[in-house]
Amino acid sequence: MIDVPFLTYFRRATTITDSYPYKEIGEFLSGQRLSEERTFATLDYFDGVNFAARGTAPALYSVALMDDICPPSTVFAAYNRWQGEKRITVWPWNGHEGGGILQKGEQLKFLAEHR
């Protein structure tokens, strides 16, 4: 159960949000102008998109469309790479808090379906 997954698709997130921690990458690269490729190659080791490509268990994702900490397109990038059965709950009007207690209800239903 992956709620508003953090640290996915670093390269894209760095270019579309100025929220931390992605802003920190931009700040680093502004002083290390020749290190972009090496920096993102290193971050690939920790990128949730790359881990998602290995996932095969049933997964319930959530995304909040107003989230500037975990931008929606980075969440969808991880979701789309997931190899197993998957479902995503979209919270159109929420930020990083996502669906809050309502998402917990979605998780309980998901667990009941997959026991």
PDB file of N, CA and C in Angstrom:
ATOM      1  N   MET A   1       0.858  -1.165   0.000  1.00  0.00           N
ATOM      2  CA  MET A   1       0.000   0.000   0.000  1.00  0.00           C
ATOM      3  C   MET A   1       0.904   1.226   0.000  1.00  0.00           C
ATOM      4  N   ILE A   2       0.945   1.857  -1.122  1.00  0.00           N
ATOM      5  CA  ILE A   2       1.894   2.933  -1.365  1.00  0.00           C
ATOM      6  C   ILE A   2       1.125   4.248  -1.461  1.00  0.00           C
ATOM      7  N   ASP A   3       1.161   5.025  -0.401  1.00  0.00           N
ATOM      8  CA  ASP A   3       0.444   6.303  -0.383  1.00  0.00           C
ATOM      9  C   ASP A   3       1.375   7.438  -0.779  1.00  0.00           C
ATOM     10  N   VAL A   4       0.899   8.244  -1.732  1.00  0.00           N
ATOM     11  CA  VAL A   4       1.655   9.388  -2.244  1.00  0.00           C
ATOM     12  C   VAL A   4       3.166   9.126  -2.155  1.00  0.00           C
ATOM     13  N   PRO A   5       3.667   8.187  -2.956  1.00  0.00           N
ATOM     14  CA  PRO A   5       5.059   7.750  -2.816  1.00  0.00           C
ATOM     15  C   PRO A   5       6.066   8.881  -3.009  1.00  0.00           C
ATOM     16  N   PHE A   6       6.992   8.879  -2.105  1.00  0.00           N
ATOM     17  CA  PHE A   6       8.037   9.897  -2.017  1.00  0.00           C
ATOM     18  C   PHE A   6       9.283   9.416  -2.750  1.00  0.00           C
ATOM     19  N   LEU A   7      10.006  10.330  -3.330  1.00  0.00           N
ATOM     20  CA  LEU A   7      11.286  10.058  -3.983  1.00  0.00           C
ATOM     21  C   LEU A   7      11.146   9.115  -5.168  1.00  0.00           C
ATOM     22  N   THR A   8      10.219   9.459  -6.049  1.00  0.00           N
ATOM     23  CA  THR A   8      10.076   8.733  -7.301  1.00  0.00           C
ATOM     24  C   THR A   8      10.284   9.712  -8.457  1.00  0.00           C
ATOM     25  N   TYR A   9      10.998   9.249  -9.460  1.00  0.00           N
ATOM     26  CA  TYR A   9      11.290  10.008 -10.670  1.00  0.00           C
ATOM     27  C   TYR A   9      11.944  11.353 -10.339  1.00  0.00           C
ATOM     28  N   PHE A  10      13.100  11.253  -9.700  1.00  0.00           N
ATOM     29  CA  PHE A  10      13.845  12.436  -9.263  1.00  0.00           C
ATOM     30  C   PHE A  10      14.024  13.469 -10.368  1.00  0.00           C
ATOM     31  N   ARG A  11      14.441  13.010 -11.535  1.00  0.00           N
ATOM     32  CA  ARG A  11      14.759  13.962 -12.614  1.00  0.00           C
ATOM     33  C   ARG A  11      13.546  14.827 -12.949  1.00  0.00           C
ATOM     34  N   ARG A  12      12.387  14.218 -13.090  1.00  0.00           N
ATOM     35  CA  ARG A  12      11.183  15.000 -13.406  1.00  0.00           C
ATOM     36  C   ARG A  12      10.783  15.898 -12.238  1.00  0.00           C
ATOM     37  N   ALA A  13      10.763  15.336 -11.050  1.00  0.00           N
ATOM     38  CA  ALA A  13      10.343  16.121  -9.885  1.00  0.00           C
ATOM     39  C   ALA A  13      11.204  17.366  -9.711  1.00  0.00           C
ATOM     40  N   THR A  14      12.480  17.234  -9.988  1.00  0.00           N
ATOM     41  CA  THR A  14      13.400  18.360  -9.838  1.00  0.00           C
ATOM     42  C   THR A  14      13.059  19.492 -10.800  1.00  0.00           C
ATOM     43  N   THR A  15      12.466  19.156 -11.930  1.00  0.00           N
ATOM     44  CA  THR A  15      12.159  20.192 -12.922  1.00  0.00           C
ATOM     45  C   THR A  15      10.751  20.775 -12.788  1.00  0.00           C
ATOM     46  N   ILE A  16       9.877  20.145 -11.977  1.00  0.00           N
ATOM     47  CA  ILE A  16       8.492  20.646 -11.925  1.00  0.00           C
ATOM     48  C   ILE A  16       8.066  21.171 -10.563  1.00  0.00           C
ATOM     49  N   THR A  17       8.881  20.981  -9.524  1.00  0.00           N
ATOM     50  CA  THR A  17       8.509  21.533  -8.223  1.00  0.00           C
ATOM     51  C   THR A  17       9.716  22.196  -7.590  1.00  0.00           C
ATOM     52  N   ASP A  18       9.452  23.239  -6.827  1.00  0.00           N
ATOM     53  CA  ASP A  18      10.552  23.862  -6.095  1.00  0.00           C
ATOM     54  C   ASP A  18      10.456  23.552  -4.603  1.00  0.00           C
ATOM     55  N   SER A  19       9.736  22.470  -4.283  1.00  0.00           N
ATOM     56  CA  SER A  19       9.638  22.013  -2.889  1.00  0.00           C
ATOM     57  C   SER A  19      10.807  21.100  -2.564  1.00  0.00           C
ATOM     58  N   TYR A  20      11.170  21.127  -1.302  1.00  0.00           N
ATOM     59  CA  TYR A  20      12.204  20.194  -0.855  1.00  0.00           C
ATOM     60  C   TYR A  20      11.623  18.796  -0.763  1.00  0.00           C
ATOM     61  N   PRO A  21      12.399  17.770  -1.007  1.00  0.00           N
ATOM     62  CA  PRO A  21      13.846  17.715  -1.146  1.00  0.00           C
ATOM     63  C   PRO A  21      14.326  17.961  -2.568  1.00  0.00           C
ATOM     64  N   TYR A  22      13.410  18.000  -3.535  1.00  0.00           N
ATOM     65  CA  TYR A  22      13.836  18.144  -4.919  1.00  0.00           C
ATOM     66  C   TYR A  22      14.539  19.478  -5.163  1.00  0.00           C
ATOM     67  N   LYS A  23      14.113  20.512  -4.479  1.00  0.00           N
ATOM     68  CA  LYS A  23      14.759  21.812  -4.616  1.00  0.00           C
ATOM     69  C   LYS A  23      16.236  21.712  -4.232  1.00  0.00           C
ATOM     70  N   GLU A  24      16.535  20.872  -3.259  1.00  0.00           N
ATOM     71  CA  GLU A  24      17.913  20.695  -2.828  1.00  0.00           C
ATOM     72  C   GLU A  24      18.785  20.137  -3.957  1.00  0.00           C
ATOM     73  N   ILE A  25      18.222  19.272  -4.780  1.00  0.00           N
ATOM     74  CA  ILE A  25      18.969  18.735  -5.918  1.00  0.00           C
ATOM     75  C   ILE A  25      19.285  19.865  -6.896  1.00  0.00           C
ATOM     76  N   GLY A  26      18.297  20.697  -7.177  1.00  0.00           N
ATOM     77  CA  GLY A  26      18.527  21.844  -8.057  1.00  0.00           C
ATOM     78  C   GLY A  26      19.566  22.798  -7.499  1.00  0.00           C
ATOM     79  N   GLU A  27      19.503  23.032  -6.202  1.00  0.00           N
ATOM     80  CA  GLU A  27      20.498  23.907  -5.573  1.00  0.00           C
ATOM     81  C   GLU A  27      21.896  23.305  -5.697  1.00  0.00           C
ATOM     82  N   PHE A  28      22.015  22.006  -5.491  1.00  0.00           N
ATOM     83  CA  PHE A  28      23.305  21.331  -5.644  1.00  0.00           C
ATOM     84  C   PHE A  28      23.815  21.475  -7.073  1.00  0.00           C
ATOM     85  N   LEU A  29      22.936  21.201  -8.049  1.00  0.00           N
ATOM     86  CA  LEU A  29      23.352  21.249  -9.444  1.00  0.00           C
ATOM     87  C   LEU A  29      23.676  22.663  -9.919  1.00  0.00           C
ATOM     88  N   SER A  30      23.103  23.678  -9.280  1.00  0.00           N
ATOM     89  CA  SER A  30      23.428  25.049  -9.673  1.00  0.00           C
ATOM     90  C   SER A  30      24.883  25.380  -9.377  1.00  0.00           C
ATOM     91  N   GLY A  31      25.473  24.684  -8.420  1.00  0.00           N
ATOM     92  CA  GLY A  31      26.887  24.882  -8.111  1.00  0.00           C
ATOM     93  C   GLY A  31      27.789  23.806  -8.689  1.00  0.00           C
ATOM     94  N   GLN A  32      27.186  22.752  -9.190  1.00  0.00           N
ATOM     95  CA  GLN A  32      27.921  21.624  -9.782  1.00  0.00           C
ATOM     96  C   GLN A  32      27.410  21.415 -11.209  1.00  0.00           C
ATOM     97  N   ARG A  33      27.593  22.408 -12.027  1.00  0.00           N
ATOM     98  CA  ARG A  33      26.962  22.457 -13.344  1.00  0.00           C
ATOM     99  C   ARG A  33      27.301  21.288 -14.262  1.00  0.00           C
ATOM    100  N   LEU A  34      28.427  20.657 -14.068  1.00  0.00           N
ATOM    101  CA  LEU A  34      28.848  19.555 -14.937  1.00  0.00           C
ATOM    102  C   LEU A  34      28.526  18.184 -14.345  1.00  0.00           C
ATOM    103  N   SER A  35      27.773  18.163 -13.259  1.00  0.00           N
ATOM    104  CA  SER A  35      27.512  16.905 -12.545  1.00  0.00           C
ATOM    105  C   SER A  35      26.098  16.369 -12.719  1.00  0.00           C
ATOM    106  N   GLU A  36      25.332  16.911 -13.627  1.00  0.00           N
ATOM    107  CA  GLU A  36      23.927  16.516 -13.744  1.00  0.00           C
ATOM    108  C   GLU A  36      23.763  15.022 -14.012  1.00  0.00           C
ATOM    109  N   GLU A  37      24.418  14.509 -15.029  1.00  0.00           N
ATOM    110  CA  GLU A  37      24.233  13.098 -15.377  1.00  0.00           C
ATOM    111  C   GLU A  37      24.710  12.183 -14.260  1.00  0.00           C
ATOM    112  N   ARG A  38      25.854  12.490 -13.686  1.00  0.00           N
ATOM    113  CA  ARG A  38      26.373  11.666 -12.589  1.00  0.00           C
ATOM    114  C   ARG A  38      25.448  11.729 -11.381  1.00  0.00           C
ATOM    115  N   THR A  39      24.903  12.899 -11.095  1.00  0.00           N
ATOM    116  CA  THR A  39      24.001  13.060  -9.957  1.00  0.00           C
ATOM    117  C   THR A  39      22.747  12.213 -10.139  1.00  0.00           C
ATOM    118  N   PHE A  40      22.117  12.307 -11.299  1.00  0.00           N
ATOM    119  CA  PHE A  40      20.891  11.537 -11.510  1.00  0.00           C
ATOM    120  C   PHE A  40      21.165  10.040 -11.641  1.00  0.00           C
ATOM    121  N   ALA A  41      22.332   9.686 -12.162  1.00  0.00           N
ATOM    122  CA  ALA A  41      22.697   8.256 -12.211  1.00  0.00           C
ATOM    123  C   ALA A  41      22.827   7.696 -10.800  1.00  0.00           C
ATOM    124  N   THR A  42      23.363   8.479  -9.890  1.00  0.00           N
ATOM    125  CA  THR A  42      23.476   8.048  -8.492  1.00  0.00           C
ATOM    126  C   THR A  42      22.102   7.960  -7.847  1.00  0.00           C
ATOM    127  N   LEU A  43      21.270   8.958  -8.085  1.00  0.00           N
ATOM    128  CA  LEU A  43      19.925   8.965  -7.507  1.00  0.00           C
ATOM    129  C   LEU A  43      19.064   7.817  -8.038  1.00  0.00           C
ATOM    130  N   ASP A  44      19.374   7.326  -9.227  1.00  0.00           N
ATOM    131  CA  ASP A  44      18.631   6.183  -9.775  1.00  0.00           C
ATOM    132  C   ASP A  44      18.675   4.970  -8.850  1.00  0.00           C
ATOM    133  N   TYR A  45      19.732   4.847  -8.060  1.00  0.00           N
ATOM    134  CA  TYR A  45      19.832   3.723  -7.126  1.00  0.00           C
ATOM    135  C   TYR A  45      18.751   3.776  -6.045  1.00  0.00           C
ATOM    136  N   PHE A  46      18.195   4.955  -5.823  1.00  0.00           N
ATOM    137  CA  PHE A  46      17.213   5.152  -4.751  1.00  0.00           C
ATOM    138  C   PHE A  46      15.830   5.512  -5.282  1.00  0.00           C
ATOM    139  N   ASP A  47      15.701   5.590  -6.583  1.00  0.00           N
ATOM    140  CA  ASP A  47      14.468   6.080  -7.194  1.00  0.00           C
ATOM    141  C   ASP A  47      13.367   5.024  -7.132  1.00  0.00           C
ATOM    142  N   GLY A  48      12.241   5.397  -6.545  1.00  0.00           N
ATOM    143  CA  GLY A  48      11.116   4.483  -6.415  1.00  0.00           C
ATOM    144  C   GLY A  48      10.582   3.968  -7.733  1.00  0.00           C
ATOM    145  N   VAL A  49      10.779   4.703  -8.818  1.00  0.00           N
ATOM    146  CA  VAL A  49      10.346   4.234 -10.133  1.00  0.00           C
ATOM    147  C   VAL A  49      11.083   2.947 -10.487  1.00  0.00           C
ATOM    148  N   ASN A  50      12.366   2.902 -10.192  1.00  0.00           N
ATOM    149  CA  ASN A  50      13.159   1.718 -10.518  1.00  0.00           C
ATOM    150  C   ASN A  50      12.788   0.528  -9.641  1.00  0.00           C
ATOM    151  N   PHE A  51      12.435   0.770  -8.400  1.00  0.00           N
ATOM    152  CA  PHE A  51      11.975  -0.321  -7.538  1.00  0.00           C
ATOM    153  C   PHE A  51      10.597  -0.810  -7.973  1.00  0.00           C
ATOM    154  N   ALA A  52       9.746   0.090  -8.411  1.00  0.00           N
ATOM    155  CA  ALA A  52       8.397  -0.284  -8.831  1.00  0.00           C
ATOM    156  C   ALA A  52       8.433  -1.266  -9.994  1.00  0.00           C
ATOM    157  N   ALA A  53       9.406  -1.141 -10.847  1.00  0.00           N
ATOM    158  CA  ALA A  53       9.508  -2.027 -12.010  1.00  0.00           C
ATOM    159  C   ALA A  53       9.717  -3.485 -11.598  1.00  0.00           C
ATOM    160  N   ARG A  54      10.098  -3.706 -10.354  1.00  0.00           N
ATOM    161  CA  ARG A  54      10.310  -5.063  -9.852  1.00  0.00           C
ATOM    162  C   ARG A  54       9.127  -5.589  -9.038  1.00  0.00           C
ATOM    163  N   GLY A  55       8.155  -4.753  -8.785  1.00  0.00           N
ATOM    164  CA  GLY A  55       7.033  -5.127  -7.930  1.00  0.00           C
ATOM    165  C   GLY A  55       6.058  -6.049  -8.635  1.00  0.00           C
ATOM    166  N   THR A  56       5.692  -7.140  -7.972  1.00  0.00           N
ATOM    167  CA  THR A  56       4.738  -8.083  -8.562  1.00  0.00           C
ATOM    168  C   THR A  56       3.563  -8.382  -7.633  1.00  0.00           C
ATOM    169  N   ALA A  57       3.649  -8.030  -6.379  1.00  0.00           N
ATOM    170  CA  ALA A  57       2.556  -8.273  -5.439  1.00  0.00           C
ATOM    171  C   ALA A  57       1.410  -7.307  -5.732  1.00  0.00           C
ATOM    172  N   PRO A  58       0.191  -7.643  -5.344  1.00  0.00           N
ATOM    173  CA  PRO A  58      -0.910  -6.685  -5.505  1.00  0.00           C
ATOM    174  C   PRO A  58      -0.579  -5.377  -4.774  1.00  0.00           C
ATOM    175  N   ALA A  59      -0.860  -4.267  -5.426  1.00  0.00           N
ATOM    176  CA  ALA A  59      -0.486  -2.970  -4.859  1.00  0.00           C
ATOM    177  C   ALA A  59      -1.644  -1.991  -4.927  1.00  0.00           C
ATOM    178  N   LEU A  60      -1.783  -1.221  -3.875  1.00  0.00           N
ATOM    179  CA  LEU A  60      -2.733  -0.115  -3.828  1.00  0.00           C
ATOM    180  C   LEU A  60      -1.924   1.167  -3.676  1.00  0.00           C
ATOM    181  N   TYR A  61      -1.984   1.996  -4.671  1.00  0.00           N
ATOM    182  CA  TYR A  61      -1.316   3.296  -4.655  1.00  0.00           C
ATOM    183  C   TYR A  61      -2.350   4.375  -4.333  1.00  0.00           C
ATOM    184  N   SER A  62      -1.852   5.527  -3.906  1.00  0.00           N
ATOM    185  CA  SER A  62      -2.698   6.717  -3.848  1.00  0.00           C
ATOM    186  C   SER A  62      -1.882   7.902  -4.329  1.00  0.00           C
ATOM    187  N   VAL A  63      -2.584   8.870  -4.869  1.00  0.00           N
ATOM    188  CA  VAL A  63      -1.952  10.081  -5.374  1.00  0.00           C
ATOM    189  C   VAL A  63      -2.875  11.256  -5.070  1.00  0.00           C
ATOM    190  N   ALA A  64      -2.264  12.373  -4.709  1.00  0.00           N
ATOM    191  CA  ALA A  64      -3.009  13.609  -4.477  1.00  0.00           C
ATOM    192  C   ALA A  64      -2.604  14.594  -5.573  1.00  0.00           C
ATOM    193  N   LEU A  65      -3.567  15.072  -6.322  1.00  0.00           N
ATOM    194  CA  LEU A  65      -3.254  15.876  -7.496  1.00  0.00           C
ATOM    195  C   LEU A  65      -2.747  17.282  -7.188  1.00  0.00           C
ATOM    196  N   MET A  66      -2.875  17.732  -5.944  1.00  0.00           N
ATOM    197  CA  MET A  66      -2.369  19.049  -5.555  1.00  0.00           C
ATOM    198  C   MET A  66      -1.078  18.941  -4.734  1.00  0.00           C
ATOM    199  N   ASP A  67      -0.432  17.796  -4.783  1.00  0.00           N
ATOM    200  CA  ASP A  67       0.755  17.519  -3.972  1.00  0.00           C
ATOM    201  C   ASP A  67       2.001  18.098  -4.638  1.00  0.00           C
ATOM    202  N   ASP A  68       2.646  19.053  -3.977  1.00  0.00           N
ATOM    203  CA  ASP A  68       3.879  19.618  -4.527  1.00  0.00           C
ATOM    204  C   ASP A  68       5.120  18.950  -3.939  1.00  0.00           C
ATOM    205  N   ILE A  69       4.942  18.068  -2.977  1.00  0.00           N
ATOM    206  CA  ILE A  69       6.064  17.327  -2.395  1.00  0.00           C
ATOM    207  C   ILE A  69       6.292  16.039  -3.186  1.00  0.00           C
ATOM    208  N   CYS A  70       5.222  15.359  -3.531  1.00  0.00           N
ATOM    209  CA  CYS A  70       5.272  14.164  -4.385  1.00  0.00           C
ATOM    210  C   CYS A  70       4.404  14.460  -5.602  1.00  0.00           C
ATOM    211  N   PRO A  71       4.965  15.150  -6.595  1.00  0.00           N
ATOM    212  CA  PRO A  71       4.151  15.553  -7.741  1.00  0.00           C
ATOM    213  C   PRO A  71       3.430  14.366  -8.385  1.00  0.00           C
ATOM    214  N   PRO A  72       2.172  14.562  -8.769  1.00  0.00           N
ATOM    215  CA  PRO A  72       1.375  13.461  -9.305  1.00  0.00           C
ATOM    216  C   PRO A  72       2.036  12.708 -10.455  1.00  0.00           C
ATOM    217  N   SER A  73       2.679  13.398 -11.363  1.00  0.00           N
ATOM    218  CA  SER A  73       3.277  12.693 -12.502  1.00  0.00           C
ATOM    219  C   SER A  73       4.377  11.739 -12.056  1.00  0.00           C
ATOM    220  N   THR A  74       5.043  12.039 -10.940  1.00  0.00           N
ATOM    221  CA  THR A  74       6.081  11.128 -10.452  1.00  0.00           C
ATOM    222  C   THR A  74       5.452   9.894  -9.808  1.00  0.00           C
ATOM    223  N   VAL A  75       4.293  10.078  -9.183  1.00  0.00           N
ATOM    224  CA  VAL A  75       3.567   8.943  -8.603  1.00  0.00           C
ATOM    225  C   VAL A  75       3.057   8.036  -9.726  1.00  0.00           C
ATOM    226  N   PHE A  76       2.469   8.643 -10.757  1.00  0.00           N
ATOM    227  CA  PHE A  76       1.971   7.849 -11.877  1.00  0.00           C
ATOM    228  C   PHE A  76       3.106   7.133 -12.606  1.00  0.00           C
ATOM    229  N   ALA A  77       4.286   7.730 -12.641  1.00  0.00           N
ATOM    230  CA  ALA A  77       5.434   7.054 -13.266  1.00  0.00           C
ATOM    231  C   ALA A  77       5.746   5.752 -12.540  1.00  0.00           C
ATOM    232  N   ALA A  78       5.741   5.775 -11.214  1.00  0.00           N
ATOM    233  CA  ALA A  78       5.993   4.554 -10.436  1.00  0.00           C
ATOM    234  C   ALA A  78       4.837   3.573 -10.604  1.00  0.00           C
ATOM    235  N   TYR A  79       3.623   4.067 -10.520  1.00  0.00           N
ATOM    236  CA  TYR A  79       2.446   3.212 -10.668  1.00  0.00           C
ATOM    237  C   TYR A  79       2.456   2.494 -12.018  1.00  0.00           C
ATOM    238  N   ASN A  80       2.753   3.220 -13.062  1.00  0.00           N
ATOM    239  CA  ASN A  80       2.735   2.639 -14.403  1.00  0.00           C
ATOM    240  C   ASN A  80       3.825   1.587 -14.608  1.00  0.00           C
ATOM    241  N   ARG A  81       4.880   1.650 -13.825  1.00  0.00           N
ATOM    242  CA  ARG A  81       5.957   0.657 -13.947  1.00  0.00           C
ATOM    243  C   ARG A  81       5.696  -0.592 -13.113  1.00  0.00           C
ATOM    244  N   TRP A  82       4.743  -0.536 -12.181  1.00  0.00           N
ATOM    245  CA  TRP A  82       4.454  -1.683 -11.315  1.00  0.00           C
ATOM    246  C   TRP A  82       4.020  -2.862 -12.188  1.00  0.00           C
ATOM    247  N   GLN A  83       4.588  -4.023 -11.926  1.00  0.00           N
ATOM    248  CA  GLN A  83       4.360  -5.188 -12.772  1.00  0.00           C
ATOM    249  C   GLN A  83       3.201  -6.072 -12.313  1.00  0.00           C
ATOM    250  N   GLY A  84       2.792  -5.951 -11.081  1.00  0.00           N
ATOM    251  CA  GLY A  84       1.728  -6.802 -10.557  1.00  0.00           C
ATOM    252  C   GLY A  84       0.362  -6.161 -10.688  1.00  0.00           C
ATOM    253  N   GLU A  85      -0.625  -6.842 -10.118  1.00  0.00           N
ATOM    254  CA  GLU A  85      -1.970  -6.285 -10.036  1.00  0.00           C
ATOM    255  C   GLU A  85      -1.891  -4.983  -9.263  1.00  0.00           C
ATOM    256  N   LYS A  86      -2.599  -3.968  -9.725  1.00  0.00           N
ATOM    257  CA  LYS A  86      -2.489  -2.660  -9.076  1.00  0.00           C
ATOM    258  C   LYS A  86      -3.776  -1.875  -9.214  1.00  0.00           C
ATOM    259  N   ARG A  87      -3.914  -0.944  -8.292  1.00  0.00           N
ATOM    260  CA  ARG A  87      -5.060  -0.033  -8.283  1.00  0.00           C
ATOM    261  C   ARG A  87      -4.550   1.280  -7.687  1.00  0.00           C
ATOM    262  N   ILE A  88      -5.119   2.383  -8.132  1.00  0.00           N
ATOM    263  CA  ILE A  88      -4.703   3.679  -7.596  1.00  0.00           C
ATOM    264  C   ILE A  88      -5.939   4.481  -7.208  1.00  0.00           C
ATOM    265  N   THR A  89      -5.861   5.120  -6.050  1.00  0.00           N
ATOM    266  CA  THR A  89      -6.909   6.022  -5.592  1.00  0.00           C
ATOM    267  C   THR A  89      -6.406   7.444  -5.823  1.00  0.00           C
ATOM    268  N   VAL A  90      -7.204   8.241  -6.503  1.00  0.00           N
ATOM    269  CA  VAL A  90      -6.814   9.610  -6.843  1.00  0.00           C
ATOM    270  C   VAL A  90      -7.612  10.577  -5.980  1.00  0.00           C
ATOM    271  N   TRP A  91      -6.883  11.455  -5.308  1.00  0.00           N
ATOM    272  CA  TRP A  91      -7.498  12.502  -4.479  1.00  0.00           C
ATOM    273  C   TRP A  91      -7.265  13.833  -5.191  1.00  0.00           C
ATOM    274  N   PRO A  92      -8.249  14.306  -5.978  1.00  0.00           N
ATOM    275  CA  PRO A  92      -8.024  15.458  -6.855  1.00  0.00           C
ATOM    276  C   PRO A  92      -7.768  16.780  -6.142  1.00  0.00           C
ATOM    277  N   TRP A  93      -8.290  16.968  -4.945  1.00  0.00           N
ATOM    278  CA  TRP A  93      -8.217  18.279  -4.304  1.00  0.00           C
ATOM    279  C   TRP A  93      -7.279  18.309  -3.110  1.00  0.00           C
ATOM    280  N   ASN A  94      -6.479  17.279  -2.952  1.00  0.00           N
ATOM    281  CA  ASN A  94      -5.624  17.213  -1.770  1.00  0.00           C
ATOM    282  C   ASN A  94      -4.155  17.387  -2.114  1.00  0.00           C
ATOM    283  N   GLY A  95      -3.429  17.852  -1.097  1.00  0.00           N
ATOM    284  CA  GLY A  95      -1.981  17.968  -1.192  1.00  0.00           C
ATOM    285  C   GLY A  95      -1.336  16.711  -0.642  1.00  0.00           C
ATOM    286  N   HIS A  96      -0.219  16.868   0.012  1.00  0.00           N
ATOM    287  CA  HIS A  96       0.567  15.715   0.446  1.00  0.00           C
ATOM    288  C   HIS A  96      -0.155  14.856   1.489  1.00  0.00           C
ATOM    289  N   GLU A  97      -1.178  15.381   2.116  1.00  0.00           N
ATOM    290  CA  GLU A  97      -1.927  14.575   3.091  1.00  0.00           C
ATOM    291  C   GLU A  97      -2.757  13.494   2.400  1.00  0.00           C
ATOM    292  N   GLY A  98      -2.946  13.630   1.094  1.00  0.00           N
ATOM    293  CA  GLY A  98      -3.687  12.618   0.339  1.00  0.00           C
ATOM    294  C   GLY A  98      -5.102  12.456   0.856  1.00  0.00           C
ATOM    295  N   GLY A  99      -5.545  11.219   0.925  1.00  0.00           N
ATOM    296  CA  GLY A  99      -6.909  10.935   1.337  1.00  0.00           C
ATOM    297  C   GLY A  99      -7.112  10.828   2.825  1.00  0.00           C
ATOM    298  N   GLY A 100      -6.027  10.941   3.608  1.00  0.00           N
ATOM    299  CA  GLY A 100      -6.154  10.885   5.059  1.00  0.00           C
ATOM    300  C   GLY A 100      -6.878   9.640   5.523  1.00  0.00           C
ATOM    301  N   ILE A 101      -7.835   9.814   6.409  1.00  0.00           N
ATOM    302  CA  ILE A 101      -8.560   8.688   6.999  1.00  0.00           C
ATOM    303  C   ILE A 101      -9.383   7.933   5.950  1.00  0.00           C
ATOM    304  N   LEU A 102      -9.823   8.626   4.896  1.00  0.00           N
ATOM    305  CA  LEU A 102     -10.568   7.938   3.839  1.00  0.00           C
ATOM    306  C   LEU A 102      -9.671   6.945   3.095  1.00  0.00           C
ATOM    307  N   GLN A 103      -8.391   7.277   2.959  1.00  0.00           N
ATOM    308  CA  GLN A 103      -7.464   6.333   2.323  1.00  0.00           C
ATOM    309  C   GLN A 103      -7.256   5.108   3.207  1.00  0.00           C
ATOM    310  N   LYS A 104      -7.308   5.298   4.503  1.00  0.00           N
ATOM    311  CA  LYS A 104      -7.200   4.142   5.413  1.00  0.00           C
ATOM    312  C   LYS A 104      -8.349   3.166   5.159  1.00  0.00           C
ATOM    313  N   GLY A 105      -9.530   3.680   4.892  1.00  0.00           N
ATOM    314  CA  GLY A 105     -10.660   2.831   4.549  1.00  0.00           C
ATOM    315  C   GLY A 105     -10.411   2.066   3.250  1.00  0.00           C
ATOM    316  N   GLU A 106      -9.830   2.742   2.263  1.00  0.00           N
ATOM    317  CA  GLU A 106      -9.480   2.075   1.007  1.00  0.00           C
ATOM    318  C   GLU A 106      -8.472   0.957   1.260  1.00  0.00           C
ATOM    319  N   GLN A 107      -7.538   1.224   2.155  1.00  0.00           N
ATOM    320  CA  GLN A 107      -6.521   0.213   2.470  1.00  0.00           C
ATOM    321  C   GLN A 107      -7.146  -1.007   3.150  1.00  0.00           C
ATOM    322  N   LEU A 108      -8.062  -0.773   4.059  1.00  0.00           N
ATOM    323  CA  LEU A 108      -8.722  -1.895   4.741  1.00  0.00           C
ATOM    324  C   LEU A 108      -9.511  -2.748   3.750  1.00  0.00           C
ATOM    325  N   LYS A 109     -10.205  -2.104   2.800  1.00  0.00           N
ATOM    326  CA  LYS A 109     -10.928  -2.863   1.781  1.00  0.00           C
ATOM    327  C   LYS A 109      -9.948  -3.664   0.930  1.00  0.00           C
ATOM    328  N   PHE A 110      -8.835  -3.050   0.572  1.00  0.00           N
ATOM    329  CA  PHE A 110      -7.820  -3.717  -0.243  1.00  0.00           C
ATOM    330  C   PHE A 110      -7.271  -4.940   0.472  1.00  0.00           C
ATOM    331  N   LEU A 111      -6.985  -4.783   1.758  1.00  0.00           N
ATOM    332  CA  LEU A 111      -6.463  -5.912   2.536  1.00  0.00           C
ATOM    333  C   LEU A 111      -7.490  -7.034   2.626  1.00  0.00           C
ATOM    334  N   ALA A 112      -8.738  -6.688   2.815  1.00  0.00           N
ATOM    335  CA  ALA A 112      -9.791  -7.707   2.909  1.00  0.00           C
ATOM    336  C   ALA A 112      -9.918  -8.480   1.584  1.00  0.00           C
ATOM    337  N   GLU A 113      -9.727  -7.790   0.473  1.00  0.00           N
ATOM    338  CA  GLU A 113      -9.802  -8.425  -0.849  1.00  0.00           C
ATOM    339  C   GLU A 113      -8.606  -9.341  -1.124  1.00  0.00           C
ATOM    340  N   HIS A 114      -7.495  -9.098  -0.453  1.00  0.00           N
ATOM    341  CA  HIS A 114      -6.256  -9.824  -0.743  1.00  0.00           C
ATOM    342  C   HIS A 114      -5.737 -10.671   0.415  1.00  0.00           C
ATOM    343  N   ARG A 115      -6.625 -11.102   1.278  1.00  0.00           N
ATOM    344  CA  ARG A 115      -6.139 -11.928   2.388  1.00  0.00           C
ATOM    345  C   ARG A 115      -6.053 -13.372   2.022  1.00  0.00           C
TER     346      ARG A 115
END
